[in-house]
């Protein structure tokens, strides 16, 4: 049976120059195909200006975002 979901554990430790999470997330936003649906769930997702620009201005995929704080979604509108 083909998989329809992929889960990748990522790590981010900026003070130690480890930016795997940021690098992978940015690439995912940038390279997602036009008909893809990205389901993003995070209790601590930091919607940086770079992420916001990628989602709103560059990404051709559709997003479903689940966050701990509903105010995050207002930033995208």
PDB file of N, CA and C in Angstrom:
ATOM      1  N   UNK A   1       0.836  -1.164   0.000  1.00  0.00           N
ATOM      2  CA  UNK A   1       0.000   0.000   0.000  1.00  0.00           C
ATOM      3  C   UNK A   1       0.892   1.242   0.000  1.00  0.00           C
ATOM      4  N   UNK A   2       0.660   2.167  -0.916  1.00  0.00           N
ATOM      5  CA  UNK A   2       1.480   3.386  -0.938  1.00  0.00           C
ATOM      6  C   UNK A   2       1.165   4.282   0.260  1.00  0.00           C
ATOM      7  N   UNK A   3       2.165   4.934   0.755  1.00  0.00           N
ATOM      8  CA  UNK A   3       2.009   5.835   1.901  1.00  0.00           C
ATOM      9  C   UNK A   3       1.407   7.158   1.443  1.00  0.00           C
ATOM     10  N   UNK A   4       0.539   7.730   2.261  1.00  0.00           N
ATOM     11  CA  UNK A   4      -0.003   9.054   1.964  1.00  0.00           C
ATOM     12  C   UNK A   4       0.440  10.085   2.990  1.00  0.00           C
ATOM     13  N   UNK A   5       1.228   9.639   3.964  1.00  0.00           N
ATOM     14  CA  UNK A   5       1.703  10.526   5.023  1.00  0.00           C
ATOM     15  C   UNK A   5       3.172  10.244   5.300  1.00  0.00           C
ATOM     16  N   UNK A   6       3.922  11.309   5.480  1.00  0.00           N
ATOM     17  CA  UNK A   6       5.340  11.175   5.810  1.00  0.00           C
ATOM     18  C   UNK A   6       5.601  11.980   7.071  1.00  0.00           C
ATOM     19  N   UNK A   7       6.299  11.384   8.020  1.00  0.00           N
ATOM     20  CA  UNK A   7       6.644  12.059   9.269  1.00  0.00           C
ATOM     21  C   UNK A   7       8.163  12.082   9.389  1.00  0.00           C
ATOM     22  N   UNK A   8       8.719  13.275   9.566  1.00  0.00           N
ATOM     23  CA  UNK A   8      10.160  13.442   9.719  1.00  0.00           C
ATOM     24  C   UNK A   8      10.447  14.151  11.043  1.00  0.00           C
ATOM     25  N   UNK A   9      11.139  13.515  11.959  1.00  0.00           N
ATOM     26  CA  UNK A   9      11.561  14.243  13.166  1.00  0.00           C
ATOM     27  C   UNK A   9      12.738  15.164  12.805  1.00  0.00           C
ATOM     28  N   UNK A  10      12.635  16.410  13.182  1.00  0.00           N
ATOM     29  CA  UNK A  10      13.663  17.399  12.851  1.00  0.00           C
ATOM     30  C   UNK A  10      14.163  18.065  14.121  1.00  0.00           C
ATOM     31  N   UNK A  11      15.346  18.659  14.034  1.00  0.00           N
ATOM     32  CA  UNK A  11      15.929  19.320  15.195  1.00  0.00           C
ATOM     33  C   UNK A  11      16.349  20.738  14.814  1.00  0.00           C
ATOM     34  N   UNK A  12      16.231  21.653  15.770  1.00  0.00           N
ATOM     35  CA  UNK A  12      16.638  23.040  15.575  1.00  0.00           C
ATOM     36  C   UNK A  12      17.321  23.506  16.848  1.00  0.00           C
ATOM     37  N   UNK A  13      18.580  23.897  16.747  1.00  0.00           N
ATOM     38  CA  UNK A  13      19.334  24.458  17.879  1.00  0.00           C
ATOM     39  C   UNK A  13      20.160  25.621  17.354  1.00  0.00           C
ATOM     40  N   UNK A  14      19.486  26.742  17.133  1.00  0.00           N
ATOM     41  CA  UNK A  14      20.130  27.920  16.559  1.00  0.00           C
ATOM     42  C   UNK A  14      21.427  28.326  17.222  1.00  0.00           C
ATOM     43  N   UNK A  15      21.481  28.377  18.565  1.00  0.00           N
ATOM     44  CA  UNK A  15      22.721  28.777  19.226  1.00  0.00           C
ATOM     45  C   UNK A  15      23.904  27.851  18.916  1.00  0.00           C
ATOM     46  N   UNK A  16      23.598  26.620  18.507  1.00  0.00           N
ATOM     47  CA  UNK A  16      24.663  25.661  18.173  1.00  0.00           C
ATOM     48  C   UNK A  16      24.822  25.525  16.655  1.00  0.00           C
ATOM     49  N   UNK A  17      24.189  26.435  15.900  1.00  0.00           N
ATOM     50  CA  UNK A  17      24.273  26.449  14.446  1.00  0.00           C
ATOM     51  C   UNK A  17      23.650  25.218  13.793  1.00  0.00           C
ATOM     52  N   UNK A  18      22.673  24.608  14.428  1.00  0.00           N
ATOM     53  CA  UNK A  18      21.945  23.481  13.861  1.00  0.00           C
ATOM     54  C   UNK A  18      20.585  24.004  13.409  1.00  0.00           C
ATOM     55  N   UNK A  19      20.364  24.057  12.103  1.00  0.00           N
ATOM     56  CA  UNK A  19      19.145  24.645  11.547  1.00  0.00           C
ATOM     57  C   UNK A  19      18.414  23.668  10.621  1.00  0.00           C
ATOM     58  N   UNK A  20      18.450  22.395  10.948  1.00  0.00           N
ATOM     59  CA  UNK A  20      17.831  21.375  10.103  1.00  0.00           C
ATOM     60  C   UNK A  20      16.332  21.631   9.945  1.00  0.00           C
ATOM     61  N   UNK A  21      15.635  21.920  11.036  1.00  0.00           N
ATOM     62  CA  UNK A  21      14.189  22.155  10.972  1.00  0.00           C
ATOM     63  C   UNK A  21      13.869  23.337  10.061  1.00  0.00           C
ATOM     64  N   UNK A  22      14.557  24.433  10.244  1.00  0.00           N
ATOM     65  CA  UNK A  22      14.324  25.628   9.426  1.00  0.00           C
ATOM     66  C   UNK A  22      14.631  25.360   7.959  1.00  0.00           C
ATOM     67  N   UNK A  23      15.716  24.675   7.676  1.00  0.00           N
ATOM     68  CA  UNK A  23      16.106  24.384   6.301  1.00  0.00           C
ATOM     69  C   UNK A  23      15.082  23.492   5.602  1.00  0.00           C
ATOM     70  N   UNK A  24      14.665  22.435   6.270  1.00  0.00           N
ATOM     71  CA  UNK A  24      13.701  21.505   5.674  1.00  0.00           C
ATOM     72  C   UNK A  24      12.343  22.173   5.503  1.00  0.00           C
ATOM     73  N   UNK A  25      11.890  22.908   6.503  1.00  0.00           N
ATOM     74  CA  UNK A  25      10.588  23.580   6.421  1.00  0.00           C
ATOM     75  C   UNK A  25      10.577  24.600   5.291  1.00  0.00           C
ATOM     76  N   UNK A  26      11.617  25.393   5.170  1.00  0.00           N
ATOM     77  CA  UNK A  26      11.696  26.382   4.085  1.00  0.00           C
ATOM     78  C   UNK A  26      11.659  25.708   2.720  1.00  0.00           C
ATOM     79  N   UNK A  27      12.387  24.616   2.593  1.00  0.00           N
ATOM     80  CA  UNK A  27      12.409  23.906   1.305  1.00  0.00           C
ATOM     81  C   UNK A  27      11.054  23.276   0.993  1.00  0.00           C
ATOM     82  N   UNK A  28      10.404  22.736   2.012  1.00  0.00           N
ATOM     83  CA  UNK A  28       9.079  22.160   1.827  1.00  0.00           C
ATOM     84  C   UNK A  28       8.106  23.220   1.322  1.00  0.00           C
ATOM     85  N   UNK A  29       8.094  24.377   1.944  1.00  0.00           N
ATOM     86  CA  UNK A  29       7.211  25.458   1.507  1.00  0.00           C
ATOM     87  C   UNK A  29       7.531  25.886   0.082  1.00  0.00           C
ATOM     88  N   UNK A  30       8.794  26.011  -0.221  1.00  0.00           N
ATOM     89  CA  UNK A  30       9.233  26.499  -1.525  1.00  0.00           C
ATOM     90  C   UNK A  30       8.968  25.505  -2.649  1.00  0.00           C
ATOM     91  N   UNK A  31       9.167  24.216  -2.392  1.00  0.00           N
ATOM     92  CA  UNK A  31       9.160  23.214  -3.458  1.00  0.00           C
ATOM     93  C   UNK A  31       7.895  22.367  -3.543  1.00  0.00           C
ATOM     94  N   UNK A  32       6.909  22.604  -2.711  1.00  0.00           N
ATOM     95  CA  UNK A  32       5.691  21.791  -2.755  1.00  0.00           C
ATOM     96  C   UNK A  32       4.994  21.961  -4.105  1.00  0.00           C
ATOM     97  N   UNK A  33       4.547  20.868  -4.715  1.00  0.00           N
ATOM     98  CA  UNK A  33       3.885  20.964  -6.014  1.00  0.00           C
ATOM     99  C   UNK A  33       2.518  21.648  -5.910  1.00  0.00           C
ATOM    100  N   UNK A  34       2.030  22.199  -7.011  1.00  0.00           N
ATOM    101  CA  UNK A  34       0.803  23.001  -7.006  1.00  0.00           C
ATOM    102  C   UNK A  34      -0.432  22.313  -6.430  1.00  0.00           C
ATOM    103  N   UNK A  35      -0.627  21.029  -6.651  1.00  0.00           N
ATOM    104  CA  UNK A  35      -1.844  20.377  -6.158  1.00  0.00           C
ATOM    105  C   UNK A  35      -1.654  19.687  -4.809  1.00  0.00           C
ATOM    106  N   UNK A  36      -0.514  19.886  -4.188  1.00  0.00           N
ATOM    107  CA  UNK A  36      -0.249  19.264  -2.882  1.00  0.00           C
ATOM    108  C   UNK A  36      -1.058  19.968  -1.794  1.00  0.00           C
ATOM    109  N   UNK A  37      -1.379  19.216  -0.766  1.00  0.00           N
ATOM    110  CA  UNK A  37      -1.999  19.780   0.429  1.00  0.00           C
ATOM    111  C   UNK A  37      -1.029  19.522   1.581  1.00  0.00           C
ATOM    112  N   UNK A  38      -0.560  20.583   2.199  1.00  0.00           N
ATOM    113  CA  UNK A  38       0.375  20.465   3.309  1.00  0.00           C
ATOM    114  C   UNK A  38      -0.377  20.642   4.611  1.00  0.00           C
ATOM    115  N   UNK A  39      -0.361  19.620   5.436  1.00  0.00           N
ATOM    116  CA  UNK A  39      -0.974  19.668   6.763  1.00  0.00           C
ATOM    117  C   UNK A  39       0.149  19.951   7.754  1.00  0.00           C
ATOM    118  N   UNK A  40       0.086  21.092   8.386  1.00  0.00           N
ATOM    119  CA  UNK A  40       1.130  21.507   9.311  1.00  0.00           C
ATOM    120  C   UNK A  40       0.514  21.649  10.700  1.00  0.00           C
ATOM    121  N   UNK A  41       1.022  20.867  11.644  1.00  0.00           N
ATOM    122  CA  UNK A  41       0.530  20.928  13.017  1.00  0.00           C
ATOM    123  C   UNK A  41       1.717  21.127  13.950  1.00  0.00           C
ATOM    124  N   UNK A  42       1.618  22.125  14.823  1.00  0.00           N
ATOM    125  CA  UNK A  42       2.702  22.399  15.744  1.00  0.00           C
ATOM    126  C   UNK A  42       2.178  23.211  16.914  1.00  0.00           C
ATOM    127  N   UNK A  43       2.595  22.830  18.086  1.00  0.00           N
ATOM    128  CA  UNK A  43       2.234  23.601  19.269  1.00  0.00           C
ATOM    129  C   UNK A  43       3.119  24.819  19.452  1.00  0.00           C
ATOM    130  N   UNK A  44       4.186  24.922  18.685  1.00  0.00           N
ATOM    131  CA  UNK A  44       5.130  26.024  18.872  1.00  0.00           C
ATOM    132  C   UNK A  44       5.602  26.608  17.543  1.00  0.00           C
ATOM    133  N   UNK A  45       4.864  26.426  16.472  1.00  0.00           N
ATOM    134  CA  UNK A  45       5.283  26.921  15.158  1.00  0.00           C
ATOM    135  C   UNK A  45       5.491  28.428  15.199  1.00  0.00           C
ATOM    136  N   UNK A  46       6.672  28.856  14.818  1.00  0.00           N
ATOM    137  CA  UNK A  46       7.023  30.272  14.794  1.00  0.00           C
ATOM    138  C   UNK A  46       6.898  30.751  13.355  1.00  0.00           C
ATOM    139  N   UNK A  47       5.857  31.495  13.064  1.00  0.00           N
ATOM    140  CA  UNK A  47       5.606  31.976  11.707  1.00  0.00           C
ATOM    141  C   UNK A  47       6.483  33.195  11.435  1.00  0.00           C
ATOM    142  N   UNK A  48       7.733  32.926  11.076  1.00  0.00           N
ATOM    143  CA  UNK A  48       8.682  34.001  10.791  1.00  0.00           C
ATOM    144  C   UNK A  48       8.289  34.717   9.505  1.00  0.00           C
ATOM    145  N   UNK A  49       8.882  35.875   9.273  1.00  0.00           N
ATOM    146  CA  UNK A  49       8.603  36.593   8.028  1.00  0.00           C
ATOM    147  C   UNK A  49       9.011  35.771   6.810  1.00  0.00           C
ATOM    148  N   UNK A  50      10.111  35.036   6.908  1.00  0.00           N
ATOM    149  CA  UNK A  50      10.532  34.195   5.778  1.00  0.00           C
ATOM    150  C   UNK A  50       9.504  33.103   5.495  1.00  0.00           C
ATOM    151  N   UNK A  51       8.999  32.449   6.541  1.00  0.00           N
ATOM    152  CA  UNK A  51       7.970  31.422   6.358  1.00  0.00           C
ATOM    153  C   UNK A  51       6.701  32.034   5.774  1.00  0.00           C
ATOM    154  N   UNK A  52       6.282  33.169   6.320  1.00  0.00           N
ATOM    155  CA  UNK A  52       5.067  33.815   5.836  1.00  0.00           C
ATOM    156  C   UNK A  52       5.176  34.168   4.359  1.00  0.00           C
ATOM    157  N   UNK A  53       6.303  34.726   3.958  1.00  0.00           N
ATOM    158  CA  UNK A  53       6.499  35.058   2.547  1.00  0.00           C
ATOM    159  C   UNK A  53       6.497  33.807   1.682  1.00  0.00           C
ATOM    160  N   UNK A  54       7.118  32.753   2.167  1.00  0.00           N
ATOM    161  CA  UNK A  54       7.146  31.503   1.404  1.00  0.00           C
ATOM    162  C   UNK A  54       5.740  30.942   1.214  1.00  0.00           C
ATOM    163  N   UNK A  55       4.945  30.946   2.277  1.00  0.00           N
ATOM    164  CA  UNK A  55       3.597  30.389   2.211  1.00  0.00           C
ATOM    165  C   UNK A  55       2.689  31.246   1.334  1.00  0.00           C
ATOM    166  N   UNK A  56       2.705  32.542   1.547  1.00  0.00           N
ATOM    167  CA  UNK A  56       1.772  33.434   0.866  1.00  0.00           C
ATOM    168  C   UNK A  56       2.227  33.770  -0.552  1.00  0.00           C
ATOM    169  N   UNK A  57       3.502  34.034  -0.751  1.00  0.00           N
ATOM    170  CA  UNK A  57       3.976  34.553  -2.027  1.00  0.00           C
ATOM    171  C   UNK A  57       4.587  33.517  -2.969  1.00  0.00           C
ATOM    172  N   UNK A  58       5.152  32.433  -2.440  1.00  0.00           N
ATOM    173  CA  UNK A  58       5.895  31.515  -3.284  1.00  0.00           C
ATOM    174  C   UNK A  58       5.276  30.133  -3.415  1.00  0.00           C
ATOM    175  N   UNK A  59       4.679  29.630  -2.367  1.00  0.00           N
ATOM    176  CA  UNK A  59       4.197  28.254  -2.363  1.00  0.00           C
ATOM    177  C   UNK A  59       2.927  28.134  -3.185  1.00  0.00           C
ATOM    178  N   UNK A  60       2.854  27.078  -4.001  1.00  0.00           N
ATOM    179  CA  UNK A  60       1.679  26.839  -4.830  1.00  0.00           C
ATOM    180  C   UNK A  60       0.754  25.790  -4.222  1.00  0.00           C
ATOM    181  N   UNK A  61       1.144  25.209  -3.106  1.00  0.00           N
ATOM    182  CA  UNK A  61       0.340  24.178  -2.453  1.00  0.00           C
ATOM    183  C   UNK A  61      -0.751  24.821  -1.602  1.00  0.00           C
ATOM    184  N   UNK A  62      -1.691  23.995  -1.185  1.00  0.00           N
ATOM    185  CA  UNK A  62      -2.735  24.406  -0.249  1.00  0.00           C
ATOM    186  C   UNK A  62      -2.282  24.025   1.154  1.00  0.00           C
ATOM    187  N   UNK A  63      -2.574  24.882   2.127  1.00  0.00           N
ATOM    188  CA  UNK A  63      -2.150  24.632   3.508  1.00  0.00           C
ATOM    189  C   UNK A  63      -3.338  24.415   4.418  1.00  0.00           C
ATOM    190  N   UNK A  64      -3.175  23.481   5.320  1.00  0.00           N
ATOM    191  CA  UNK A  64      -4.059  23.288   6.461  1.00  0.00           C
ATOM    192  C   UNK A  64      -3.137  23.395   7.672  1.00  0.00           C
ATOM    193  N   UNK A  65      -3.319  24.449   8.484  1.00  0.00           N
ATOM    194  CA  UNK A  65      -2.407  24.712   9.590  1.00  0.00           C
ATOM    195  C   UNK A  65      -3.159  24.600  10.915  1.00  0.00           C
ATOM    196  N   UNK A  66      -2.627  23.771  11.799  1.00  0.00           N
ATOM    197  CA  UNK A  66      -3.168  23.619  13.145  1.00  0.00           C
ATOM    198  C   UNK A  66      -2.102  24.114  14.121  1.00  0.00           C
ATOM    199  N   UNK A  67      -2.443  25.139  14.901  1.00  0.00           N
ATOM    200  CA  UNK A  67      -1.498  25.695  15.866  1.00  0.00           C
ATOM    201  C   UNK A  67      -2.150  25.775  17.244  1.00  0.00           C
ATOM    202  N   UNK A  68      -1.356  26.029  18.248  1.00  0.00           N
ATOM    203  CA  UNK A  68      -1.870  26.163  19.605  1.00  0.00           C
ATOM    204  C   UNK A  68      -2.564  27.504  19.811  1.00  0.00           C
ATOM    205  N   UNK A  69      -2.211  28.501  19.003  1.00  0.00           N
ATOM    206  CA  UNK A  69      -2.781  29.838  19.159  1.00  0.00           C
ATOM    207  C   UNK A  69      -3.468  30.277  17.866  1.00  0.00           C
ATOM    208  N   UNK A  70      -4.759  30.564  17.878  1.00  0.00           N
ATOM    209  CA  UNK A  70      -5.471  30.953  16.652  1.00  0.00           C
ATOM    210  C   UNK A  70      -4.973  32.270  16.058  1.00  0.00           C
ATOM    211  N   UNK A  71      -4.270  33.083  16.843  1.00  0.00           N
ATOM    212  CA  UNK A  71      -3.758  34.358  16.319  1.00  0.00           C
ATOM    213  C   UNK A  71      -2.767  34.150  15.189  1.00  0.00           C
ATOM    214  N   UNK A  72      -2.108  33.029  15.126  1.00  0.00           N
ATOM    215  CA  UNK A  72      -1.128  32.760  14.068  1.00  0.00           C
ATOM    216  C   UNK A  72      -1.790  32.825  12.704  1.00  0.00           C
ATOM    217  N   UNK A  73      -2.972  32.265  12.573  1.00  0.00           N
ATOM    218  CA  UNK A  73      -3.659  32.235  11.301  1.00  0.00           C
ATOM    219  C   UNK A  73      -4.018  33.651  10.845  1.00  0.00           C
ATOM    220  N   UNK A  74      -4.327  34.531  11.766  1.00  0.00           N
ATOM    221  CA  UNK A  74      -4.667  35.903  11.413  1.00  0.00           C
ATOM    222  C   UNK A  74      -3.518  36.607  10.700  1.00  0.00           C
ATOM    223  N   UNK A  75      -2.302  36.229  10.983  1.00  0.00           N
ATOM    224  CA  UNK A  75      -1.144  36.851  10.344  1.00  0.00           C
ATOM    225  C   UNK A  75      -1.127  36.536   8.855  1.00  0.00           C
ATOM    226  N   UNK A  76      -1.644  35.381   8.468  1.00  0.00           N
ATOM    227  CA  UNK A  76      -1.651  34.984   7.055  1.00  0.00           C
ATOM    228  C   UNK A  76      -2.729  35.683   6.258  1.00  0.00           C
ATOM    229  N   UNK A  77      -3.783  36.145   6.925  1.00  0.00           N
ATOM    230  CA  UNK A  77      -4.931  36.734   6.205  1.00  0.00           C
ATOM    231  C   UNK A  77      -4.688  38.130   5.743  1.00  0.00           C
TER     232      UNK A  77
END
